[in-house]
C-alpha atoms as a PDB file:
ATOM      1  CA  MET A   1     174.199 144.766  79.915  1.00  0.00           C
ATOM      2  CA  ILE A   2     171.446 144.744  77.271  1.00  0.00           C
ATOM      3  CA  SER A   3     171.913 141.040  76.665  1.00  0.00           C
ATOM      4  CA  THR A   4     171.577 140.380  80.384  1.00  0.00           C
ATOM      5  CA  LEU A   5     168.286 142.308  80.566  1.00  0.00           C
ATOM      6  CA  ARG A   6     166.942 140.414  77.585  1.00  0.00           C
ATOM      7  CA  ALA A   7     167.894 137.103  79.213  1.00  0.00           C
ATOM      8  CA  ASN A   8     166.137 138.112  82.455  1.00  0.00           C
ATOM      9  CA  ARG A   9     162.990 139.148  80.575  1.00  0.00           C
ATOM     10  CA  GLU A  10     162.955 135.817  78.744  1.00  0.00           C
ATOM     11  CA  THR A  11     163.341 133.938  82.010  1.00  0.00           C
ATOM     12  CA  ILE A  12     160.482 135.888  83.620  1.00  0.00           C
ATOM     13  CA  ARG A  13     158.240 135.347  80.567  1.00  0.00           C
ATOM     14  CA  ARG A  14     158.868 131.614  80.595  1.00  0.00           C
ATOM     15  CA  ALA A  15     158.137 131.418  84.309  1.00  0.00           C
ATOM     16  CA  LEU A  16     154.837 133.297  83.829  1.00  0.00           C
ATOM     17  CA  ASP A  17     153.900 131.040  80.905  1.00  0.00           C
ATOM     18  CA  ARG A  18     154.488 127.965  83.055  1.00  0.00           C
ATOM     19  CA  ARG A  19     152.351 129.389  85.871  1.00  0.00           C
ATOM     20  CA  CYS A  20     149.526 130.216  83.440  1.00  0.00           C
ATOM     21  CA  VAL A  21     149.638 126.695  82.036  1.00  0.00           C
ATOM     22  CA  CYS A  22     149.551 125.219  85.554  1.00  0.00           C
ATOM     23  CA  LEU A  23     146.589 127.435  86.480  1.00  0.00           C
ATOM     24  CA  VAL A  24     144.663 126.445  83.361  1.00  0.00           C
ATOM     25  CA  VAL A  25     145.358 122.740  83.993  1.00  0.00           C
ATOM     26  CA  TRP A  26     144.303 123.071  87.663  1.00  0.00           C
ATOM     27  CA  LEU A  27     141.019 124.773  86.711  1.00  0.00           C
ATOM     28  CA  TRP A  28     140.347 122.114  84.084  1.00  0.00           C
ATOM     29  CA  LEU A  29     140.930 119.340  86.602  1.00  0.00           C
ATOM     30  CA  LEU A  30     138.528 120.991  89.031  1.00  0.00           C
ATOM     31  CA  SER A  31     135.785 121.280  86.413  1.00  0.00           C
ATOM     32  CA  ALA A  32     136.371 117.721  85.181  1.00  0.00           C
ATOM     33  CA  ALA A  33     136.119 116.337  88.718  1.00  0.00           C
ATOM     34  CA  GLY A  34     132.904 118.252  89.362  1.00  0.00           C
ATOM     35  CA  CYS A  35     134.350 120.012  92.392  1.00  0.00           C
ATOM     36  CA  ASP A  36     133.317 123.386  93.687  1.00  0.00           C
ATOM     37  CA  PHE A  37     135.738 126.024  94.807  1.00  0.00           C
ATOM     38  CA  PRO A  38     136.746 125.694  98.465  1.00  0.00           C
ATOM     39  CA  GLY A  39     134.149 127.282 100.758  1.00  0.00           C
ATOM     40  CA  ARG A  40     131.377 127.291  98.160  1.00  0.00           C
ATOM     41  CA  PRO A  41     128.283 125.360  99.445  1.00  0.00           C
ATOM     42  CA  ASN A  42     127.009 122.452  97.383  1.00  0.00           C
ATOM     43  CA  PRO A  43     123.248 122.828  96.747  1.00  0.00           C
ATOM     44  CA  ALA A  44     122.832 119.059  97.157  1.00  0.00           C
ATOM     45  CA  ASP A  45     124.060 119.309 100.753  1.00  0.00           C
ATOM     46  CA  ARG A  46     121.485 121.872 101.798  1.00  0.00           C
ATOM     47  CA  PRO A  47     118.959 120.504 104.323  1.00  0.00           C
ATOM     48  CA  VAL A  48     115.437 119.922 102.992  1.00  0.00           C
ATOM     49  CA  PRO A  49     112.739 121.731 105.006  1.00  0.00           C
ATOM     50  CA  PRO A  50     110.360 119.223 106.651  1.00  0.00           C
ATOM     51  CA  GLU A  51     107.394 120.423 104.603  1.00  0.00           C
ATOM     52  CA  LYS A  52     109.332 119.773 101.362  1.00  0.00           C
ATOM     53  CA  VAL A  53     110.145 116.118 102.071  1.00  0.00           C
ATOM     54  CA  LEU A  54     108.329 113.935  99.536  1.00  0.00           C
ATOM     55  CA  ASP A  55     110.326 110.722  99.886  1.00  0.00           C
ATOM     56  CA  PHE A  56     107.950 107.910 100.879  1.00  0.00           C
ATOM     57  CA  SER A  57     110.473 105.990 102.970  1.00  0.00           C
ATOM     58  CA  THR A  58     111.274 109.084 105.034  1.00  0.00           C
ATOM     59  CA  LEU A  59     107.631 110.075 105.478  1.00  0.00           C
ATOM     60  CA  PHE A  60     106.580 106.551 106.448  1.00  0.00           C
ATOM     61  CA  GLN A  61     109.396 106.014 108.942  1.00  0.00           C
ATOM     62  CA  GLN A  62     108.788 109.361 110.607  1.00  0.00           C
ATOM     63  CA  ASN A  63     104.992 109.202 110.784  1.00  0.00           C
ATOM     64  CA  CYS A  64     103.685 105.642 110.360  1.00  0.00           C
ATOM     65  CA  ALA A  65     106.272 102.979 111.212  1.00  0.00           C
ATOM     66  CA  GLY A  66     105.996 103.429 114.979  1.00  0.00           C
ATOM     67  CA  CYS A  67     102.482 101.942 114.948  1.00  0.00           C
ATOM     68  CA  HIS A  68     102.211 100.064 111.639  1.00  0.00           C
ATOM     69  CA  GLY A  69     105.698  98.532 111.525  1.00  0.00           C
ATOM     70  CA  ALA A  70     108.871  99.494 109.672  1.00  0.00           C
ATOM     71  CA  LYS A  71     107.657  97.820 106.474  1.00  0.00           C
ATOM     72  CA  GLY A  72     103.959  98.323 107.033  1.00  0.00           C
ATOM     73  CA  GLU A  73     103.444  95.112 109.015  1.00  0.00           C
ATOM     74  CA  PHE A  74     104.227  93.476 112.387  1.00  0.00           C
ATOM     75  CA  GLY A  75     103.307  96.624 114.300  1.00  0.00           C
ATOM     76  CA  PRO A  76     100.793  97.113 117.110  1.00  0.00           C
ATOM     77  CA  ALA A  77      98.409  98.760 114.633  1.00  0.00           C
ATOM     78  CA  PRO A  78      96.870  96.943 111.632  1.00  0.00           C
ATOM     79  CA  PRO A  79      99.234  96.347 108.697  1.00  0.00           C
ATOM     80  CA  LEU A  80      99.151  98.772 105.798  1.00  0.00           C
ATOM     81  CA  ASN A  81     101.246  96.542 103.554  1.00  0.00           C
ATOM     82  CA  SER A  82      98.400  94.044 103.132  1.00  0.00           C
ATOM     83  CA  LYS A  83      97.337  93.043  99.619  1.00  0.00           C
ATOM     84  CA  LEU A  84      93.673  92.748 100.513  1.00  0.00           C
ATOM     85  CA  PHE A  85      93.600  96.017 102.442  1.00  0.00           C
ATOM     86  CA  ARG A  86      95.421  97.909  99.691  1.00  0.00           C
ATOM     87  CA  ALA A  87      93.011  96.527  97.110  1.00  0.00           C
ATOM     88  CA  LEU A  88      89.853  97.320  99.082  1.00  0.00           C
ATOM     89  CA  VAL A  89      90.491 100.709 100.667  1.00  0.00           C
ATOM     90  CA  THR A  90      89.666 103.684  98.446  1.00  0.00           C
ATOM     91  CA  GLU A  91      91.902 106.683  97.877  1.00  0.00           C
ATOM     92  CA  SER A  92      89.351 109.013  99.446  1.00  0.00           C
ATOM     93  CA  GLU A  93      88.953 106.876 102.586  1.00  0.00           C
ATOM     94  CA  LEU A  94      92.692 106.466 103.020  1.00  0.00           C
ATOM     95  CA  GLU A  95      93.314 110.184 102.539  1.00  0.00           C
ATOM     96  CA  ARG A  96      90.528 111.048 104.995  1.00  0.00           C
ATOM     97  CA  VAL A  97      91.857 108.749 107.722  1.00  0.00           C
ATOM     98  CA  ILE A  98      95.458 109.929 107.335  1.00  0.00           C
ATOM     99  CA  SER A  99      94.340 113.551 107.321  1.00  0.00           C
ATOM    100  CA  GLU A 100      91.755 113.437 110.116  1.00  0.00           C
ATOM    101  CA  GLY A 101      92.788 110.353 112.099  1.00  0.00           C
ATOM    102  CA  ARG A 102      90.204 108.225 113.911  1.00  0.00           C
ATOM    103  CA  PRO A 103      88.719 110.249 116.808  1.00  0.00           C
ATOM    104  CA  GLY A 104      88.579 108.319 120.055  1.00  0.00           C
ATOM    105  CA  THR A 105      91.377 105.958 119.022  1.00  0.00           C
ATOM    106  CA  PRO A 106      95.207 106.159 119.090  1.00  0.00           C
ATOM    107  CA  MET A 107      95.195 107.131 115.380  1.00  0.00           C
ATOM    108  CA  PRO A 108      95.955 110.895 115.306  1.00  0.00           C
ATOM    109  CA  PRO A 109      95.310 113.358 112.458  1.00  0.00           C
ATOM    110  CA  PHE A 110      98.335 114.139 110.285  1.00  0.00           C
ATOM    111  CA  ALA A 111      97.065 116.957 108.052  1.00  0.00           C
ATOM    112  CA  ARG A 112      98.143 120.451 109.004  1.00  0.00           C
ATOM    113  CA  SER A 113      94.538 121.569 108.656  1.00  0.00           C
ATOM    114  CA  SER A 114      93.653 119.092 111.433  1.00  0.00           C
ATOM    115  CA  GLY A 115      96.557 119.914 113.709  1.00  0.00           C
ATOM    116  CA  GLY A 116      99.095 117.521 112.207  1.00  0.00           C
ATOM    117  CA  SER A 117     102.432 118.209 110.533  1.00  0.00           C
ATOM    118  CA  LEU A 118     102.004 116.951 106.965  1.00  0.00           C
ATOM    119  CA  THR A 119     101.150 118.966 103.883  1.00  0.00           C
ATOM    120  CA  ALA A 120      98.532 117.918 101.352  1.00  0.00           C
ATOM    121  CA  ALA A 121     101.290 116.793  98.963  1.00  0.00           C
ATOM    122  CA  GLN A 122     102.953 114.629 101.625  1.00  0.00           C
ATOM    123  CA  ILE A 123      99.652 112.952 102.480  1.00  0.00           C
ATOM    124  CA  ARG A 124      99.064 112.242  98.793  1.00  0.00           C
ATOM    125  CA  VAL A 125     102.455 110.546  98.597  1.00  0.00           C
ATOM    126  CA  LEU A 126     101.413 108.226 101.446  1.00  0.00           C
ATOM    127  CA  VAL A 127      98.044 107.559  99.794  1.00  0.00           C
ATOM    128  CA  PHE A 128      99.491 106.715  96.377  1.00  0.00           C
ATOM    129  CA  GLU A 129     102.252 104.559  97.850  1.00  0.00           C
ATOM    130  CA  ILE A 130      99.946 102.564 100.125  1.00  0.00           C
ATOM    131  CA  ARG A 131      97.375 102.127  97.360  1.00  0.00           C
ATOM    132  CA  GLY A 132     100.105 101.141  94.908  1.00  0.00           C
ATOM    133  CA  ILE A 133      99.482 103.917  92.363  1.00  0.00           C
ATOM    134  CA  TYR A 134     102.253 105.343  90.164  1.00  0.00           C
ATOM    135  CA  TYR A 135     102.615 109.087  90.674  1.00  0.00           C
ATOM    136  CA  LYS A 136     104.810 112.149  90.224  1.00  0.00           C
ATOM    137  CA  ALA A 137     105.291 115.546  91.836  1.00  0.00           C
ATOM    138  CA  VAL A 138     104.276 118.572  89.747  1.00  0.00           C
ATOM    139  CA  THR A 139     105.393 122.049  90.848  1.00  0.00           C
ATOM    140  CA  ASP A 140     103.629 125.161  89.589  1.00  0.00           C
ATOM    141  CA  ALA A 141     106.243 127.617  88.329  1.00  0.00           C
ATOM    142  CA  ALA A 142     104.252 130.680  89.308  1.00  0.00           C
ATOM    143  CA  SER A 143     103.162 129.778  92.842  1.00  0.00           C
ATOM    144  CA  GLY A 144     105.813 127.201  93.680  1.00  0.00           C
ATOM    145  CA  THR A 145     103.063 124.862  94.945  1.00  0.00           C
ATOM    146  CA  THR A 146     103.749 121.150  94.550  1.00  0.00           C
ATOM    147  CA  THR A 147     100.942 118.690  93.908  1.00  0.00           C
ATOM    148  CA  ILE A 148     101.063 114.897  93.644  1.00  0.00           C
ATOM    149  CA  LYS A 149      99.284 113.383  90.659  1.00  0.00           C
ATOM    150  CA  SER A 150      98.869 109.876  89.306  1.00  0.00           C
ATOM    151  CA  ALA A 151     101.084 109.233  86.307  1.00  0.00           C
ATOM    152  CA  VAL A 152     101.975 106.536  83.802  1.00  0.00           C
ATOM    153  CA  ASP A 153     104.810 108.221  81.920  1.00  0.00           C
ATOM    154  CA  SER A 154     108.550 107.640  82.212  1.00  0.00           C
ATOM    155  CA  GLN A 155     108.823 110.150  85.066  1.00  0.00           C
ATOM    156  CA  ALA A 156     106.311 108.316  87.258  1.00  0.00           C
ATOM    157  CA  ILE A 157     107.485 107.033  90.635  1.00  0.00           C
ATOM    158  CA  LYS A 158     106.906 103.331  91.228  1.00  0.00           C
ATOM    159  CA  PRO A 159     105.354 102.515  94.652  1.00  0.00           C
ATOM    160  CA  ALA A 160     107.895 100.963  97.018  1.00  0.00           C
ATOM    161  CA  TRP A 161     105.531  98.106  97.933  1.00  0.00           C
ATOM    162  CA  GLY A 162     104.550  97.444  94.356  1.00  0.00           C
ATOM    163  CA  SER A 163     101.099  97.736  92.879  1.00  0.00           C
ATOM    164  CA  PRO A 164      98.246  95.306  93.641  1.00  0.00           C
ATOM    165  CA  ASN A 165      97.401  94.943  89.970  1.00  0.00           C
ATOM    166  CA  PRO A 166      95.527  92.864  89.014  1.00  0.00           C
ATOM    167  CA  TYR A 167      93.692  93.590  92.217  1.00  0.00           C
ATOM    168  CA  PHE A 168      94.014  90.988  94.915  1.00  0.00           C
ATOM    169  CA  ALA A 169      90.439  91.361  96.192  1.00  0.00           C
ATOM    170  CA  PRO A 170      87.855  88.914  94.795  1.00  0.00           C
ATOM    171  CA  ALA A 171      84.966  90.348  92.829  1.00  0.00           C
ATOM    172  CA  ASN A 172      82.517  89.447  95.607  1.00  0.00           C
ATOM    173  CA  ALA A 173      84.634  90.865  98.446  1.00  0.00           C
ATOM    174  CA  PRO A 174      82.702  92.920 101.009  1.00  0.00           C
ATOM    175  CA  SER A 175      82.994  96.675 100.877  1.00  0.00           C
ATOM    176  CA  TYR A 176      85.684  98.211 103.059  1.00  0.00           C
ATOM    177  CA  SER A 177      83.253 100.670 104.645  1.00  0.00           C
ATOM    178  CA  ALA A 178      79.729 100.036 105.911  1.00  0.00           C
ATOM    179  CA  PHE A 179      77.052 102.445 104.692  1.00  0.00           C
ATOM    180  CA  ALA A 180      73.797 100.820 105.819  1.00  0.00           C
ATOM    181  CA  ILE A 181      72.231 102.060 109.057  1.00  0.00           C
ATOM    182  CA  ARG A 182      71.856  99.156 111.450  1.00  0.00           C
ATOM    183  CA  PRO A 183      68.599  98.705 113.379  1.00  0.00           C
ATOM    184  CA  PRO A 184      68.648  98.691 117.193  1.00  0.00           C
ATOM    185  CA  ARG A 185      69.698  95.325 118.671  1.00  0.00           C
ATOM    186  CA  THR A 186      68.487  93.532 121.765  1.00  0.00           C
ATOM    187  CA  THR A 187      70.466  91.402 124.178  1.00  0.00           C
ATOM    188  CA  GLU A 188      68.829  88.327 122.649  1.00  0.00           C
ATOM    189  CA  THR A 189      69.932  89.399 119.187  1.00  0.00           C
ATOM    190  CA  PHE A 190      73.545  89.815 120.296  1.00  0.00           C
ATOM    191  CA  GLU A 191      73.470  86.386 121.936  1.00  0.00           C
ATOM    192  CA  LYS A 192      72.201  84.884 118.679  1.00  0.00           C
ATOM    193  CA  ILE A 193      75.030  86.553 116.746  1.00  0.00           C
ATOM    194  CA  ARG A 194      77.548  85.217 119.266  1.00  0.00           C
ATOM    195  CA  ALA A 195      76.161  81.675 119.143  1.00  0.00           C
ATOM    196  CA  THR A 196      76.098  81.562 115.337  1.00  0.00           C
ATOM    197  CA  THR A 197      78.347  83.899 113.349  1.00  0.00           C
ATOM    198  CA  PHE A 198      80.915  84.509 116.087  1.00  0.00           C
ATOM    199  CA  VAL A 199      81.232  80.816 116.946  1.00  0.00           C
ATOM    200  CA  ARG A 200      81.566  79.944 113.255  1.00  0.00           C
ATOM    201  CA  ALA A 201      84.178  82.580 112.411  1.00  0.00           C
ATOM    202  CA  CYS A 202      86.006  83.544 115.610  1.00  0.00           C
ATOM    203  CA  ALA A 203      85.584  81.022 118.421  1.00  0.00           C
ATOM    204  CA  GLY A 204      88.204  78.612 117.074  1.00  0.00           C
ATOM    205  CA  CYS A 205      90.937  81.047 118.155  1.00  0.00           C
ATOM    206  CA  HIS A 206      89.292  83.525 120.537  1.00  0.00           C
ATOM    207  CA  GLY A 207      86.939  81.232 122.466  1.00  0.00           C
ATOM    208  CA  SER A 208      83.142  80.947 122.265  1.00  0.00           C
ATOM    209  CA  ARG A 209      82.657  84.208 124.186  1.00  0.00           C
ATOM    210  CA  GLY A 210      85.776  86.051 123.088  1.00  0.00           C
ATOM    211  CA  GLN A 211      87.581  85.168 126.314  1.00  0.00           C
ATOM    212  CA  GLY A 212      90.693  83.940 124.512  1.00  0.00           C
ATOM    213  CA  GLY A 213      91.926  80.515 123.503  1.00  0.00           C
ATOM    214  CA  GLU A 214      95.108  78.536 123.045  1.00  0.00           C
ATOM    215  CA  THR A 215      96.242  80.456 119.983  1.00  0.00           C
ATOM    216  CA  ALA A 216      94.773  83.963 120.374  1.00  0.00           C
ATOM    217  CA  GLY A 217      93.975  86.405 123.153  1.00  0.00           C
ATOM    218  CA  ALA A 218      90.753  87.822 124.525  1.00  0.00           C
ATOM    219  CA  ILE A 219      88.704  90.229 122.427  1.00  0.00           C
ATOM    220  CA  ASN A 220      85.804  90.787 124.833  1.00  0.00           C
ATOM    221  CA  ASP A 221      87.580  93.340 127.018  1.00  0.00           C
ATOM    222  CA  PRO A 222      85.835  96.765 126.981  1.00  0.00           C
ATOM    223  CA  ALA A 223      89.154  98.527 127.642  1.00  0.00           C
ATOM    224  CA  LEU A 224      90.723  96.836 124.631  1.00  0.00           C
ATOM    225  CA  LEU A 225      87.707  97.433 122.395  1.00  0.00           C
ATOM    226  CA  SER A 226      87.574 101.103 123.421  1.00  0.00           C
ATOM    227  CA  LEU A 227      90.785 101.622 121.446  1.00  0.00           C
ATOM    228  CA  ALA A 228      89.136 100.510 118.196  1.00  0.00           C
ATOM    229  CA  SER A 229      86.480 102.280 116.148  1.00  0.00           C
ATOM    230  CA  ASP A 230      83.721 100.306 114.437  1.00  0.00           C
ATOM    231  CA  GLN A 231      85.418 100.881 111.081  1.00  0.00           C
ATOM    232  CA  LEU A 232      88.705  99.489 112.402  1.00  0.00           C
ATOM    233  CA  LEU A 233      86.883  96.415 113.697  1.00  0.00           C
ATOM    234  CA  ARG A 234      85.226  95.966 110.318  1.00  0.00           C
ATOM    235  CA  ARG A 235      88.560  96.310 108.567  1.00  0.00           C
ATOM    236  CA  LEU A 236      90.134  93.643 110.814  1.00  0.00           C
ATOM    237  CA  VAL A 237      87.262  91.205 110.259  1.00  0.00           C
ATOM    238  CA  ILE A 238      87.550  91.696 106.491  1.00  0.00           C
ATOM    239  CA  THR A 239      91.325  91.777 105.979  1.00  0.00           C
ATOM    240  CA  GLY A 240      92.490  89.842 109.029  1.00  0.00           C
ATOM    241  CA  ARG A 241      96.139  90.200 110.040  1.00  0.00           C
ATOM    242  CA  SER A 242      98.199  87.983 107.804  1.00  0.00           C
ATOM    243  CA  ASP A 243     101.350  89.207 109.553  1.00  0.00           C
ATOM    244  CA  LEU A 244     100.099  87.679 112.823  1.00  0.00           C
ATOM    245  CA  GLY A 245      98.227  84.682 111.453  1.00  0.00           C
ATOM    246  CA  MET A 246      94.688  86.091 111.730  1.00  0.00           C
ATOM    247  CA  PRO A 247      92.596  84.935 108.729  1.00  0.00           C
ATOM    248  CA  ASP A 248      90.604  87.325 106.585  1.00  0.00           C
ATOM    249  CA  TYR A 249      86.845  87.101 106.034  1.00  0.00           C
ATOM    250  CA  ALA A 250      87.281  84.081 103.737  1.00  0.00           C
ATOM    251  CA  GLY A 251      90.288  82.336 105.302  1.00  0.00           C
ATOM    252  CA  THR A 252      90.045  78.905 106.921  1.00  0.00           C
ATOM    253  CA  SER A 253      92.903  79.128 109.433  1.00  0.00           C
ATOM    254  CA  GLY A 254      91.479  78.241 112.861  1.00  0.00           C
ATOM    255  CA  ARG A 255      88.116  77.536 111.247  1.00  0.00           C
ATOM    256  CA  SER A 256      86.242  74.575 109.826  1.00  0.00           C
ATOM    257  CA  PRO A 257      87.686  73.280 106.527  1.00  0.00           C
ATOM    258  CA  ASP A 258      84.301  73.874 104.885  1.00  0.00           C
ATOM    259  CA  PHE A 259      84.114  77.455 106.189  1.00  0.00           C
ATOM    260  CA  GLN A 260      82.247  79.777 103.840  1.00  0.00           C
ATOM    261  CA  PRO A 261      83.296  83.450 103.456  1.00  0.00           C
ATOM    262  CA  LEU A 262      81.551  85.910 105.716  1.00  0.00           C
ATOM    263  CA  SER A 263      78.901  88.016 104.036  1.00  0.00           C
ATOM    264  CA  SER A 264      78.777  91.784 104.418  1.00  0.00           C
ATOM    265  CA  ALA A 265      75.769  91.401 106.746  1.00  0.00           C
ATOM    266  CA  GLU A 266      77.612  88.859 108.919  1.00  0.00           C
ATOM    267  CA  ILE A 267      80.628  91.166 109.146  1.00  0.00           C
ATOM    268  CA  ALA A 268      78.327  93.983 110.261  1.00  0.00           C
ATOM    269  CA  ASP A 269      76.809  91.625 112.867  1.00  0.00           C
ATOM    270  CA  LEU A 270      80.264  90.813 114.280  1.00  0.00           C
ATOM    271  CA  VAL A 271      81.161  94.517 114.471  1.00  0.00           C
ATOM    272  CA  ASP A 272      77.903  95.215 116.292  1.00  0.00           C
ATOM    273  CA  LEU A 273      78.598  92.373 118.743  1.00  0.00           C
ATOM    274  CA  LEU A 274      82.083  93.688 119.494  1.00  0.00           C
ATOM    275  CA  GLY A 275      80.610  97.162 119.876  1.00  0.00           C
ATOM    276  CA  TYR A 276      78.120  95.750 122.375  1.00  0.00           C
ATOM    277  CA  TRP A 277      80.935  94.137 124.350  1.00  0.00           C
ATOM    278  CA  ARG A 278      82.757  97.462 124.232  1.00  0.00           C
ATOM    279  CA  GLN A 279      79.855  99.082 126.077  1.00  0.00           C
ATOM    280  CA  VAL A 280      78.775  96.434 128.558  1.00  0.00           C
ATOM    281  CA  GLY A 281      81.495  93.780 128.536  1.00  0.00           C
ATOM    282  CA  ALA A 282      80.944  90.103 127.871  1.00  0.00           C
ATOM    283  CA  THR A 283      78.546  87.881 129.788  1.00  0.00           C
ATOM    284  CA  ALA A 284      79.159  86.603 133.303  1.00  0.00           C
ATOM    285  CA  ASP A 285      80.419  83.327 131.871  1.00  0.00           C
ATOM    286  CA  ALA A 286      83.128  85.151 129.930  1.00  0.00           C
ATOM    287  CA  GLY A 287      84.005  87.042 133.085  1.00  0.00           C
ATOM    288  CA  LYS A 288      85.265  83.803 134.617  1.00  0.00           C
ATOM    289  CA  GLN A 289      88.147  83.951 132.147  1.00  0.00           C
ATOM    290  CA  PRO A 290      90.993  86.491 132.368  1.00  0.00           C
ATOM    291  CA  LEU A 291      90.198  89.478 130.160  1.00  0.00           C
ATOM    292  CA  GLY A 292      92.627  91.398 128.010  1.00  0.00           C
ATOM    293  CA  ALA A 293      95.196  88.593 127.655  1.00  0.00           C
ATOM    294  CA  THR A 294      97.455  90.462 125.303  1.00  0.00           C
ATOM    295  CA  ASN A 295     100.979  90.420 123.997  1.00  0.00           C
ATOM    296  CA  SER A 296     101.991  94.072 123.802  1.00  0.00           C
ATOM    297  CA  PHE A 297     104.361  93.864 120.874  1.00  0.00           C
ATOM    298  CA  ARG A 298     102.409  91.285 118.896  1.00  0.00           C
ATOM    299  CA  GLY A 299      99.065  93.046 118.901  1.00  0.00           C
ATOM    300  CA  PRO A 300      95.995  92.528 121.084  1.00  0.00           C
ATOM    301  CA  ASN A 301      94.829  89.352 119.366  1.00  0.00           C
ATOM    302  CA  GLN A 302      97.935  87.189 119.611  1.00  0.00           C
ATOM    303  CA  LYS A 303      99.427  85.076 122.396  1.00  0.00           C
ATOM    304  CA  ARG A 304     102.968  83.804 122.422  1.00  0.00           C
ATOM    305  CA  ALA A 305     103.429  80.088 121.903  1.00  0.00           C
ATOM    306  CA  PRO A 306     105.707  78.029 124.232  1.00  0.00           C
ATOM    307  CA  ASP A 307     108.537  78.270 121.739  1.00  0.00           C
ATOM    308  CA  GLY A 308     108.451  82.046 121.963  1.00  0.00           C
ATOM    309  CA  LYS A 309     106.928  82.573 118.533  1.00  0.00           C
ATOM    310  CA  SER A 310     103.622  84.243 117.975  1.00  0.00           C
ATOM    311  CA  SER A 311     100.846  82.028 116.735  1.00  0.00           C
END
């Protein structure tokens, strides 16, 4: 009887030992595989609140790509992934436009303080990425506030579009923004600008009166020009649209081979002329041509060639 009890106890002890060993091995396998216990949420799977998103690709696709193109080009709005534009535009100007938009144009404000949905940190991410500046996010432990700062250390984030360094813009490139106050112009003055600077720089593609040509559409339509601010017009004259074949202020495409770069004063003259057409339209001669010949998905300045490709 006693020997039987001892044998049963030994059997039970061995069975418990085996179960303990199996449990220890199972727990070790779980920890080695990095698995959580069933039902326990993984912090990495938790959704990120919209105001905490600082990934450039996500921010750009959700807020910018619809107008400026998925990769910052080939959109209805001017390209942001342009070497010359990225080299010329300042951080302060870029941040101001993203934050406040361009009143009177399709460009809306994105800062929360202006009625948009982006935080100051998210706007700074867009600014640093578009300008091509290395940066990192710094969170204050006490307040939990995150700020975006330029950085050059090992933790710095490299801009997705690279960095225009050395800068692409020539040393004598015109300033991105115009600061001088322009004197009042007369009809005769605008006609002189059209017959000289406009014919030299723009008529080869857009026609002598902006009515459109074989390779580019009309730019003398008040309805079309009403969508663009003077600063946007200046930007387009300076940087062109390389994605759609429009030359910049110094390019020779569609121009005379001996074309000389436009000066800052000439660029201002062209902006004033387009602003004049915005208000009163082109002359009666231009009115004989169809206005607003546009290609909706290629931008207002481009026509589609017979082969279906944009020129």
